[in-house]
Amino acid sequence: MKKLKKKIDITVEKTDTGYSAYTDDMSVFTTGKDISELYANLIEALNLAYEELGYEVSAENLKLNLDLQQFFQYYKVLNANFLAKRIGMNPTLLSQYVRGKKHPSSKQTDKIIRGIQSIGKELADLSLV
């Protein structure tokens, strides 16, 4: 099987039970309780769709488009200004992403996701006394 060479646009949305993702490219939809599970489910679903064409899909083929506006509305406790400083991003730029005025590149989206996950891990590891 040949490796797929193109990027696949994936729209990711936050749900009450985790995350959902879809692509219009091959009419593929999946869910996951966290981003890691979502990635795995996406790759599995896309490989099922592309195997008929003789292609193999990997994480490198995924171009995630996170609906930041929806995400920050859902997680009101997460401050975009704090996150921007934390990940080394211009706060005004992240604010424009959050308001839907601009759309982040795949690289910026990954940076934002990693920052959010890092904060989440830190919070999960805390013990209050």
Protein backbone atom coordinates (compact mmCIF):
# COMPACT_ATOMS: atom_id res chain seq x y z
CA MET A 1 0.00 0.00 0.00
CA LYS A 2 1.28 3.49 -0.90
CA LYS A 3 1.59 6.26 1.67
CA LEU A 4 -0.82 9.12 1.08
CA LYS A 5 1.09 12.29 0.21
CA LYS A 6 -1.59 14.95 0.65
CA LYS A 7 -2.92 16.70 3.76
CA ILE A 8 -6.48 15.96 4.81
CA ASP A 9 -8.44 18.86 6.34
CA ILE A 10 -10.07 17.71 9.56
CA THR A 11 -12.55 19.82 11.52
CA VAL A 12 -12.35 19.16 15.27
CA GLU A 13 -15.08 20.23 17.68
CA LYS A 14 -15.45 19.92 21.45
CA THR A 15 -18.48 17.94 22.60
CA ASP A 16 -19.97 17.08 25.99
CA THR A 17 -18.33 13.64 25.85
CA GLY A 18 -14.96 14.56 24.33
CA TYR A 19 -14.21 15.53 20.75
CA SER A 20 -15.68 14.93 17.32
CA ALA A 21 -13.89 15.23 14.01
CA TYR A 22 -14.93 15.06 10.40
CA THR A 23 -13.62 15.61 6.91
CA ASP A 24 -15.57 16.30 3.77
CA ASP A 25 -12.70 14.77 1.78
CA MET A 26 -13.94 11.19 2.19
CA SER A 27 -17.12 11.68 4.28
CA VAL A 28 -15.37 10.40 7.40
CA PHE A 29 -16.58 11.17 10.95
CA THR A 30 -15.31 9.94 14.32
CA THR A 31 -15.17 10.80 18.01
CA GLY A 32 -12.80 10.39 20.94
CA LYS A 33 -12.83 11.07 24.65
CA ASP A 34 -9.53 12.98 24.29
CA ILE A 35 -7.29 14.24 21.48
CA SER A 36 -5.06 11.14 21.58
CA GLU A 37 -8.04 8.82 21.13
CA LEU A 38 -9.44 11.11 18.45
CA TYR A 39 -6.15 10.94 16.49
CA ALA A 40 -6.13 7.14 16.68
CA ASN A 41 -9.78 6.89 15.63
CA LEU A 42 -9.24 9.35 12.77
CA ILE A 43 -6.30 7.40 11.39
CA GLU A 44 -8.25 4.13 11.63
CA ALA A 45 -11.35 5.60 9.94
CA LEU A 46 -9.34 7.32 7.20
CA ASN A 47 -7.35 4.15 6.51
CA LEU A 48 -10.61 2.25 6.06
CA ALA A 49 -11.80 4.91 3.60
CA TYR A 50 -8.52 5.12 1.68
CA GLU A 51 -7.64 1.41 1.57
CA GLU A 52 -9.92 0.89 -1.44
CA LEU A 53 -7.75 3.42 -3.28
CA GLY A 54 -4.55 1.68 -2.18
CA TYR A 55 -3.33 4.40 0.21
CA GLU A 56 -2.21 4.37 3.82
CA VAL A 57 -2.92 7.40 6.05
CA SER A 58 -0.72 8.50 8.97
CA ALA A 59 -0.82 11.35 11.50
CA GLU A 60 1.38 13.38 9.13
CA ASN A 61 -1.54 13.55 6.68
CA LEU A 62 -3.88 15.17 9.20
CA LYS A 63 -4.42 18.93 9.15
CA LEU A 64 -6.52 19.62 12.23
CA ASN A 65 -8.78 22.65 12.21
CA LEU A 66 -9.86 23.20 15.78
CA ASP A 67 -12.94 25.32 16.33
CA LEU A 68 -11.24 27.59 18.86
CA GLN A 69 -14.23 29.84 19.26
CA GLN A 70 -16.40 26.91 20.35
CA PHE A 71 -13.61 25.46 22.50
CA PHE A 72 -13.10 28.66 24.49
CA GLN A 73 -16.86 29.14 24.89
CA TYR A 74 -17.11 25.63 26.31
CA TYR A 75 -14.07 26.02 28.60
CA LYS A 76 -14.67 29.49 29.98
CA VAL A 77 -12.18 28.79 32.79
CA LEU A 78 -9.32 28.74 30.24
CA ASN A 79 -7.96 32.23 29.66
CA ALA A 80 -6.75 32.84 26.09
CA ASN A 81 -4.35 35.59 27.23
CA PHE A 82 -2.71 33.25 29.75
CA LEU A 83 -2.51 30.43 27.20
CA ALA A 84 -0.93 32.72 24.59
CA LYS A 85 1.81 33.79 27.00
CA ARG A 86 2.29 30.20 28.13
CA ILE A 87 2.89 28.89 24.59
CA GLY A 88 4.84 31.91 23.35
CA MET A 89 2.14 33.19 21.02
CA ASN A 90 1.06 36.78 20.51
CA PRO A 91 -2.05 37.25 22.72
CA THR A 92 -3.74 39.42 20.09
CA LEU A 93 -3.26 36.71 17.46
CA LEU A 94 -4.72 33.99 19.70
CA SER A 95 -7.62 36.31 20.53
CA GLN A 96 -8.29 36.69 16.78
CA TYR A 97 -8.31 32.89 16.43
CA VAL A 98 -10.71 32.57 19.38
CA ARG A 99 -13.10 35.18 17.96
CA GLY A 100 -12.99 33.57 14.51
CA LYS A 101 -11.41 36.64 12.86
CA LYS A 102 -8.42 34.57 11.69
CA HIS A 103 -7.79 30.86 11.31
CA PRO A 104 -4.65 29.19 12.70
CA SER A 105 -2.32 27.15 10.53
CA SER A 106 -1.89 23.46 11.28
CA LYS A 107 1.37 24.27 13.09
CA GLN A 108 -0.31 26.95 15.23
CA THR A 109 -3.24 24.62 15.97
CA ASP A 110 -0.84 21.91 17.16
CA LYS A 111 0.96 24.47 19.35
CA ILE A 112 -2.36 25.56 20.90
CA ILE A 113 -3.48 21.96 21.48
CA ARG A 114 -0.16 21.02 23.10
CA GLY A 115 -0.40 24.09 25.36
CA ILE A 116 -3.94 23.22 26.43
CA GLN A 117 -2.95 19.59 27.07
CA SER A 118 0.08 20.70 29.10
CA ILE A 119 -2.10 22.87 31.34
CA GLY A 120 -4.58 20.00 31.69
CA LYS A 121 -1.84 17.55 32.73
CA GLU A 122 -0.50 20.01 35.30
CA LEU A 123 -3.96 20.46 36.77
CA ALA A 124 -4.55 16.70 36.84
CA ASP A 125 -1.27 16.17 38.72
CA LEU A 126 -2.10 18.71 41.45
CA SER A 127 -3.14 17.75 44.95
CA LEU A 128 -4.76 20.41 47.09
CA VAL A 129 -4.01 20.46 50.82
